[in-house]
């Protein structure tokens, strides 16, 4: 999945370098994609047992678009 998504800010966290982040965001598998609306987590996509992300960029962008549309 490419890293570019529309209408959002991206932040990448390396939990090996920032161990507190895994606890703070309850990350139990990598990769994990979290979607926040303000400070509230509103979406989560996690890797499968093979540590592969099954969510597509289209699915993640769809959740972002849904949040934007709900704001209207």
Protein backbone atom coordinates (compact mmCIF):
# COMPACT_ATOMS: atom_id res chain seq x y z
CA UNK A 1 0.00 0.00 0.00
CA UNK A 2 1.37 3.40 -0.91
CA UNK A 3 1.85 5.96 1.82
CA UNK A 4 -0.06 8.80 0.17
CA UNK A 5 -3.62 9.31 1.30
CA UNK A 6 -5.81 12.31 0.54
CA UNK A 7 -7.34 14.79 2.99
CA UNK A 8 -5.34 13.63 6.00
CA UNK A 9 -2.02 13.90 7.76
CA UNK A 10 0.26 10.86 7.95
CA UNK A 11 2.49 10.06 10.88
CA UNK A 12 4.69 6.99 10.97
CA UNK A 13 5.82 5.55 14.29
CA UNK A 14 8.56 2.98 14.67
CA UNK A 15 7.61 1.14 17.86
CA UNK A 16 11.14 -0.21 18.20
CA UNK A 17 12.38 3.36 18.54
CA UNK A 18 9.31 4.59 20.46
CA UNK A 19 8.32 1.68 22.72
CA UNK A 20 5.79 3.79 24.63
CA UNK A 21 3.76 4.24 21.45
CA UNK A 22 2.83 0.55 21.28
CA UNK A 23 1.23 0.76 24.72
CA UNK A 24 -0.31 4.17 24.21
CA UNK A 25 -2.01 3.12 20.95
CA UNK A 26 -2.51 -0.56 21.92
CA UNK A 27 -0.48 -1.84 18.98
CA UNK A 28 -0.16 -5.62 19.23
CA UNK A 29 0.71 -6.44 15.62
CA UNK A 30 2.66 -4.64 12.93
CA UNK A 31 1.87 -3.07 10.66
CA UNK A 32 -1.12 -1.30 12.18
CA UNK A 33 -2.89 1.69 10.65
CA UNK A 34 -4.80 3.92 13.04
CA UNK A 35 -7.21 6.63 11.93
CA UNK A 36 -7.96 9.49 14.28
CA UNK A 37 -10.55 12.21 14.12
CA UNK A 38 -8.99 14.80 16.39
CA UNK A 39 -7.75 12.79 19.35
CA UNK A 40 -10.37 10.01 18.99
CA UNK A 41 -9.44 6.74 17.28
CA UNK A 42 -12.15 6.06 14.70
CA UNK A 43 -10.54 3.34 12.60
CA UNK A 44 -7.98 0.58 12.90
CA UNK A 45 -6.48 -1.74 10.31
CA UNK A 46 -4.11 -4.48 11.46
CA UNK A 47 -1.90 -7.03 9.74
CA UNK A 48 -2.91 -10.66 9.48
CA UNK A 49 -1.13 -13.53 11.21
CA UNK A 50 1.53 -13.44 8.46
CA UNK A 51 2.24 -9.79 9.37
CA UNK A 52 0.83 -8.61 6.04
CA UNK A 53 -1.59 -5.73 5.74
CA UNK A 54 -4.74 -6.91 4.00
CA UNK A 55 -6.46 -3.52 3.99
CA UNK A 56 -6.12 -1.72 0.71
CA UNK A 57 -5.35 1.94 0.23
CA UNK A 58 -8.90 2.26 -1.13
CA UNK A 59 -10.37 0.87 2.12
CA UNK A 60 -8.30 3.19 4.29
CA UNK A 61 -9.13 6.19 2.08
CA UNK A 62 -12.79 5.17 2.25
CA UNK A 63 -12.74 5.43 6.04
CA UNK A 64 -11.06 8.84 5.83
CA UNK A 65 -13.65 10.02 3.28
CA UNK A 66 -16.45 8.73 5.54
CA UNK A 67 -15.13 10.82 8.45
CA UNK A 68 -14.92 13.92 6.26
CA UNK A 69 -18.47 13.45 4.97
CA UNK A 70 -19.84 13.00 8.50
CA UNK A 71 -18.43 16.43 9.39
CA UNK A 72 -20.88 18.11 6.98
